[in-house]
Structures are given as structure tokens and as C-alpha cells.
Amino acid sequence: NEEDSLISLKSFIDDLRKNWFFHFNSINGVIINIENINKIRLLINQMMFDFVFTDIIENINKYGESDQKKVLLTIDDGNLIVLFSNKIIDYEKCKQELDEIISLYNLKDNDEIYSRKTHGLNFIRRLLRRKNIENKIFIDKVNLTFNHEINIKLNKDEDISV
């Protein structure tokens, strides 16, 4: 379904929590640092975000440390920032492979090469790019976490357009 619909940020968060709970039987890892969530609305494709949430959360569940998984929602400089984060189990062992995945993911025009390396992240990337949603993956080398950040622009009237 290509159509976007206007939803509340609360509905967006509820959907994210539902996906998180399905995989972890808890919503403790969902951290919301936003005031007045009932006043903010988003123009998004809900079905697309269900796929994105599911794929990212499944990767976190598969590759992360059990007590070091979280998603943080904030608003900064006119953007809704959704940051998925999980602790890297053995950073030194995985460093080279993770650096290659991150480098390829964050390049703009490499879909063919990237799809051969990793299918799940390629699917997420294609969906988000189709809607012109900024996103990137990176490693926080201080906390040794693998992070996927999605930035959705806010409109002046506090609606979010995608």
C-alpha cells in the first residue's frame, strides 16, 4: 500500500511498542523523551513502518545483548528521531564485518552491491528511501552499540510529513 495517512504520534508509538512487546515481552526498552505527544501528528505509511519496525527489532533480537536493547524517541531540531540501539556482543570479533555493513548501508547509490551483502537491512533501506526518510546505521564506539537512526522531519504546524 503506497498511501500515507495522518496519524497521531501516540499511535505511531503504540505501534512501535506493540512490535517491541511481541519480540521482548516487555516495553521497558522503549524510551520516549517527547512532551505533548498527543499534539503531534505524522503523515506516514503505517504498513511500511510495520515492516521497518519488525525487521529492525528482529535484528536487534537476533544479534543484541538481552539487557542492552532499546529504542529512543526524541524530537531535535525539527525532526522526530527514532534511534534503535543494541549492544554488540563481541565488538572486536565483529568489527570488520560491521564496519563494512555500515559503510555500504550509508552510501547513496549502491543498492545492487548492498543487496548481495545483507537482505534485511537492504529491505529496510529501500523502504525508507522510497519515502525519502533519512536514516543511517552507525556504531557508538564508546558504548559499543550498533545503532539505526531514522529521522522524520517535523512540519511547522507540528505535523510530521513523510
C-alpha atoms as a PDB file:
ATOM      1  CA  ASN A   1       0.000   0.000   0.000  1.00  0.00           C
ATOM      2  CA  GLU A   2       1.590   3.262  -1.173  1.00  0.00           C
ATOM      3  CA  GLU A   3      -0.857   5.644   0.513  1.00  0.00           C
ATOM      4  CA  ASP A   4       0.166   7.682   3.529  1.00  0.00           C
ATOM      5  CA  SER A   5      -2.262   8.580   6.269  1.00  0.00           C
ATOM      6  CA  LEU A   6      -2.267  11.171   9.014  1.00  0.00           C
ATOM      7  CA  ILE A   7      -1.880   9.561  12.440  1.00  0.00           C
ATOM      8  CA  SER A   8      -1.021  10.801  15.903  1.00  0.00           C
ATOM      9  CA  LEU A   9       2.476  10.365  17.271  1.00  0.00           C
ATOM     10  CA  LYS A  10       0.802   8.418  20.072  1.00  0.00           C
ATOM     11  CA  SER A  11      -0.496   5.872  17.518  1.00  0.00           C
ATOM     12  CA  PHE A  12       2.986   5.645  15.997  1.00  0.00           C
ATOM     13  CA  ILE A  13       4.477   4.987  19.449  1.00  0.00           C
ATOM     14  CA  ASP A  14       1.757   2.457  20.302  1.00  0.00           C
ATOM     15  CA  ASP A  15       2.566   0.536  17.122  1.00  0.00           C
ATOM     16  CA  LEU A  16       6.273   0.595  17.920  1.00  0.00           C
ATOM     17  CA  ARG A  17       5.568  -0.632  21.460  1.00  0.00           C
ATOM     18  CA  LYS A  18       3.341  -3.429  20.109  1.00  0.00           C
ATOM     19  CA  ASN A  19       6.168  -4.621  17.821  1.00  0.00           C
ATOM     20  CA  TRP A  20       8.716  -4.344  20.636  1.00  0.00           C
ATOM     21  CA  PHE A  21       6.487  -6.240  23.080  1.00  0.00           C
ATOM     22  CA  PHE A  22       5.885  -9.027  20.551  1.00  0.00           C
ATOM     23  CA  HIS A  23       9.640  -9.752  20.420  1.00  0.00           C
ATOM     24  CA  PHE A  24      10.705  -8.999  24.023  1.00  0.00           C
ATOM     25  CA  ASN A  25       7.534  -9.478  26.160  1.00  0.00           C
ATOM     26  CA  SER A  26       8.190  -6.049  27.656  1.00  0.00           C
ATOM     27  CA  ILE A  27       8.173  -2.412  26.598  1.00  0.00           C
ATOM     28  CA  ASN A  28      10.938  -1.431  29.034  1.00  0.00           C
ATOM     29  CA  GLY A  29      13.343  -0.826  26.159  1.00  0.00           C
ATOM     30  CA  VAL A  30      11.059   1.767  24.517  1.00  0.00           C
ATOM     31  CA  ILE A  31      12.127   5.184  25.819  1.00  0.00           C
ATOM     32  CA  ILE A  32      10.076   8.257  24.907  1.00  0.00           C
ATOM     33  CA  ASN A  33      11.666  11.686  25.506  1.00  0.00           C
ATOM     34  CA  ILE A  34       8.914  13.783  23.934  1.00  0.00           C
ATOM     35  CA  GLU A  35       6.435  16.120  25.567  1.00  0.00           C
ATOM     36  CA  ASN A  36       2.885  16.675  24.283  1.00  0.00           C
ATOM     37  CA  ILE A  37       2.826  13.577  22.056  1.00  0.00           C
ATOM     38  CA  ASN A  38      -0.919  13.982  21.594  1.00  0.00           C
ATOM     39  CA  LYS A  39      -0.391  17.278  19.721  1.00  0.00           C
ATOM     40  CA  ILE A  40       1.960  15.838  17.100  1.00  0.00           C
ATOM     41  CA  ARG A  41       0.693  14.063  14.007  1.00  0.00           C
ATOM     42  CA  LEU A  42       2.559  12.169  11.293  1.00  0.00           C
ATOM     43  CA  LEU A  43       1.837  11.609   7.640  1.00  0.00           C
ATOM     44  CA  ILE A  44       3.210   8.102   7.123  1.00  0.00           C
ATOM     45  CA  ASN A  45       2.591   4.765   5.502  1.00  0.00           C
ATOM     46  CA  GLN A  46       1.682   2.645   8.522  1.00  0.00           C
ATOM     47  CA  MET A  47       2.137  -0.661   6.690  1.00  0.00           C
ATOM     48  CA  MET A  48       5.646   0.346   5.638  1.00  0.00           C
ATOM     49  CA  PHE A  49       6.602   1.253   9.202  1.00  0.00           C
ATOM     50  CA  ASP A  50       5.245  -2.075  10.448  1.00  0.00           C
ATOM     51  CA  PHE A  51       7.723  -3.797   8.100  1.00  0.00           C
ATOM     52  CA  VAL A  52      10.559  -1.462   9.129  1.00  0.00           C
ATOM     53  CA  PHE A  53       9.888  -1.917  12.867  1.00  0.00           C
ATOM     54  CA  THR A  54       9.589  -5.687  12.525  1.00  0.00           C
ATOM     55  CA  ASP A  55      12.845  -6.081  10.571  1.00  0.00           C
ATOM     56  CA  ILE A  56      14.885  -3.779  12.807  1.00  0.00           C
ATOM     57  CA  ILE A  57      13.533  -5.292  16.030  1.00  0.00           C
ATOM     58  CA  GLU A  58      14.089  -8.847  14.754  1.00  0.00           C
ATOM     59  CA  ASN A  59      17.727  -7.934  14.003  1.00  0.00           C
ATOM     60  CA  ILE A  60      18.123  -6.466  17.483  1.00  0.00           C
ATOM     61  CA  ASN A  61      16.610  -9.591  18.995  1.00  0.00           C
ATOM     62  CA  LYS A  62      18.848 -11.858  16.921  1.00  0.00           C
ATOM     63  CA  TYR A  63      22.172 -10.060  17.327  1.00  0.00           C
ATOM     64  CA  GLY A  64      21.981  -7.992  20.533  1.00  0.00           C
ATOM     65  CA  GLU A  65      22.700  -8.457  24.213  1.00  0.00           C
ATOM     66  CA  SER A  66      19.468  -9.296  26.037  1.00  0.00           C
ATOM     67  CA  ASP A  67      19.592  -6.436  28.563  1.00  0.00           C
ATOM     68  CA  GLN A  68      21.112  -3.829  26.243  1.00  0.00           C
ATOM     69  CA  LYS A  69      18.367  -3.338  23.635  1.00  0.00           C
ATOM     70  CA  LYS A  70      16.409  -0.118  23.327  1.00  0.00           C
ATOM     71  CA  VAL A  71      14.630   2.318  21.064  1.00  0.00           C
ATOM     72  CA  LEU A  72      14.715   6.005  21.949  1.00  0.00           C
ATOM     73  CA  LEU A  73      12.290   8.584  20.510  1.00  0.00           C
ATOM     74  CA  THR A  74      13.167  12.268  20.713  1.00  0.00           C
ATOM     75  CA  ILE A  75      12.487  15.471  18.857  1.00  0.00           C
ATOM     76  CA  ASP A  76      15.517  17.526  17.879  1.00  0.00           C
ATOM     77  CA  ASP A  77      15.905  20.436  15.502  1.00  0.00           C
ATOM     78  CA  GLY A  78      12.578  19.881  13.773  1.00  0.00           C
ATOM     79  CA  ASN A  79      12.931  16.095  13.437  1.00  0.00           C
ATOM     80  CA  LEU A  80      11.407  13.062  15.098  1.00  0.00           C
ATOM     81  CA  ILE A  81      14.415  10.854  15.802  1.00  0.00           C
ATOM     82  CA  VAL A  82      13.837   7.136  16.265  1.00  0.00           C
ATOM     83  CA  LEU A  83      17.069   5.501  17.453  1.00  0.00           C
ATOM     84  CA  PHE A  84      17.213   1.715  17.702  1.00  0.00           C
ATOM     85  CA  SER A  85      20.252   0.550  19.651  1.00  0.00           C
ATOM     86  CA  ASN A  86      21.699  -2.734  20.809  1.00  0.00           C
ATOM     87  CA  LYS A  87      24.907  -3.771  22.493  1.00  0.00           C
ATOM     88  CA  ILE A  88      27.390  -5.538  20.229  1.00  0.00           C
ATOM     89  CA  ILE A  89      28.097  -8.968  21.694  1.00  0.00           C
ATOM     90  CA  ASP A  90      31.773  -9.233  20.613  1.00  0.00           C
ATOM     91  CA  TYR A  91      32.880  -5.947  19.059  1.00  0.00           C
ATOM     92  CA  GLU A  92      36.486  -6.926  18.321  1.00  0.00           C
ATOM     93  CA  LYS A  93      35.409 -10.127  16.568  1.00  0.00           C
ATOM     94  CA  CYS A  94      32.677  -8.395  14.500  1.00  0.00           C
ATOM     95  CA  LYS A  95      34.350  -5.015  13.932  1.00  0.00           C
ATOM     96  CA  GLN A  96      35.467  -5.513  10.321  1.00  0.00           C
ATOM     97  CA  GLU A  97      32.152  -7.011   9.180  1.00  0.00           C
ATOM     98  CA  LEU A  98      30.113  -4.328  10.968  1.00  0.00           C
ATOM     99  CA  ASP A  99      32.240  -1.531   9.502  1.00  0.00           C
ATOM    100  CA  GLU A 100      31.660  -2.939   6.005  1.00  0.00           C
ATOM    101  CA  ILE A 101      27.887  -3.238   6.559  1.00  0.00           C
ATOM    102  CA  ILE A 102      27.713   0.329   7.867  1.00  0.00           C
ATOM    103  CA  SER A 103      29.836   1.718   5.055  1.00  0.00           C
ATOM    104  CA  LEU A 104      27.715   0.041   2.381  1.00  0.00           C
ATOM    105  CA  TYR A 105      24.397   0.919   4.038  1.00  0.00           C
ATOM    106  CA  ASN A 106      25.194   4.608   4.330  1.00  0.00           C
ATOM    107  CA  LEU A 107      26.327   5.002   0.696  1.00  0.00           C
ATOM    108  CA  LYS A 108      23.701   6.573  -1.553  1.00  0.00           C
ATOM    109  CA  ASP A 109      23.894   4.602  -4.814  1.00  0.00           C
ATOM    110  CA  ASN A 110      24.877   1.027  -4.114  1.00  0.00           C
ATOM    111  CA  ASP A 111      21.626  -0.949  -3.899  1.00  0.00           C
ATOM    112  CA  GLU A 112      22.827  -3.784  -6.137  1.00  0.00           C
ATOM    113  CA  ILE A 113      26.068  -4.334  -4.213  1.00  0.00           C
ATOM    114  CA  TYR A 114      24.391  -3.949  -0.829  1.00  0.00           C
ATOM    115  CA  SER A 115      21.600  -6.421  -1.569  1.00  0.00           C
ATOM    116  CA  ARG A 116      24.221  -9.145  -2.019  1.00  0.00           C
ATOM    117  CA  LYS A 117      25.676  -8.480   1.438  1.00  0.00           C
ATOM    118  CA  THR A 118      22.592  -8.292   3.642  1.00  0.00           C
ATOM    119  CA  HIS A 119      18.960  -8.740   2.712  1.00  0.00           C
ATOM    120  CA  GLY A 120      17.107  -7.472   5.804  1.00  0.00           C
ATOM    121  CA  LEU A 121      18.890  -4.143   6.045  1.00  0.00           C
ATOM    122  CA  ASN A 122      18.627  -3.681   2.294  1.00  0.00           C
ATOM    123  CA  PHE A 123      14.846  -4.100   2.518  1.00  0.00           C
ATOM    124  CA  ILE A 124      14.611  -1.501   5.310  1.00  0.00           C
ATOM    125  CA  ARG A 125      16.835   0.903   3.408  1.00  0.00           C
ATOM    126  CA  ARG A 126      14.801   0.593   0.197  1.00  0.00           C
ATOM    127  CA  LEU A 127      11.508   1.195   2.020  1.00  0.00           C
ATOM    128  CA  LEU A 128      12.779   4.286   3.830  1.00  0.00           C
ATOM    129  CA  ARG A 129      14.464   5.712   0.744  1.00  0.00           C
ATOM    130  CA  ARG A 130      11.289   5.220  -1.273  1.00  0.00           C
ATOM    131  CA  LYS A 131       9.608   7.702   1.098  1.00  0.00           C
ATOM    132  CA  ASN A 132      12.682   9.980   1.337  1.00  0.00           C
ATOM    133  CA  ILE A 133      13.133   9.281   5.035  1.00  0.00           C
ATOM    134  CA  GLU A 134      16.656   9.981   6.256  1.00  0.00           C
ATOM    135  CA  ASN A 135      18.242   7.076   8.087  1.00  0.00           C
ATOM    136  CA  LYS A 136      21.657   5.679   8.858  1.00  0.00           C
ATOM    137  CA  ILE A 137      23.338   2.947  10.819  1.00  0.00           C
ATOM    138  CA  PHE A 138      26.415   3.524  12.954  1.00  0.00           C
ATOM    139  CA  ILE A 139      28.430   2.153  15.844  1.00  0.00           C
ATOM    140  CA  ASP A 140      28.708   4.058  19.105  1.00  0.00           C
ATOM    141  CA  LYS A 141      32.301   3.107  19.888  1.00  0.00           C
ATOM    142  CA  VAL A 142      32.107   4.388  23.472  1.00  0.00           C
ATOM    143  CA  ASN A 143      29.122   2.224  24.443  1.00  0.00           C
ATOM    144  CA  LEU A 144      29.815  -0.469  21.800  1.00  0.00           C
ATOM    145  CA  THR A 145      26.308  -0.351  20.399  1.00  0.00           C
ATOM    146  CA  PHE A 146      25.006  -0.905  16.884  1.00  0.00           C
ATOM    147  CA  ASN A 147      22.508   1.854  16.065  1.00  0.00           C
ATOM    148  CA  HIS A 148      19.873   2.504  13.421  1.00  0.00           C
ATOM    149  CA  GLU A 149      18.646   6.091  13.350  1.00  0.00           C
ATOM    150  CA  ILE A 150      15.541   7.207  11.465  1.00  0.00           C
ATOM    151  CA  ASN A 151      14.856  10.957  11.114  1.00  0.00           C
ATOM    152  CA  ILE A 152      11.398  12.161  10.178  1.00  0.00           C
ATOM    153  CA  LYS A 153      11.022  15.892   9.547  1.00  0.00           C
ATOM    154  CA  LEU A 154       8.512  17.928  11.528  1.00  0.00           C
ATOM    155  CA  ASN A 155       6.265  20.469   9.818  1.00  0.00           C
ATOM    156  CA  LYS A 156       5.928  23.995  11.187  1.00  0.00           C
ATOM    157  CA  ASP A 157       2.429  23.208  12.448  1.00  0.00           C
ATOM    158  CA  GLU A 158       3.844  20.303  14.498  1.00  0.00           C
ATOM    159  CA  ASP A 159       2.670  17.718  11.998  1.00  0.00           C
ATOM    160  CA  ILE A 160       5.267  15.364  10.642  1.00  0.00           C
ATOM    161  CA  SER A 161       5.370  14.861   6.891  1.00  0.00           C
ATOM    162  CA  VAL A 162       6.974  11.888   5.286  1.00  0.00           C
END
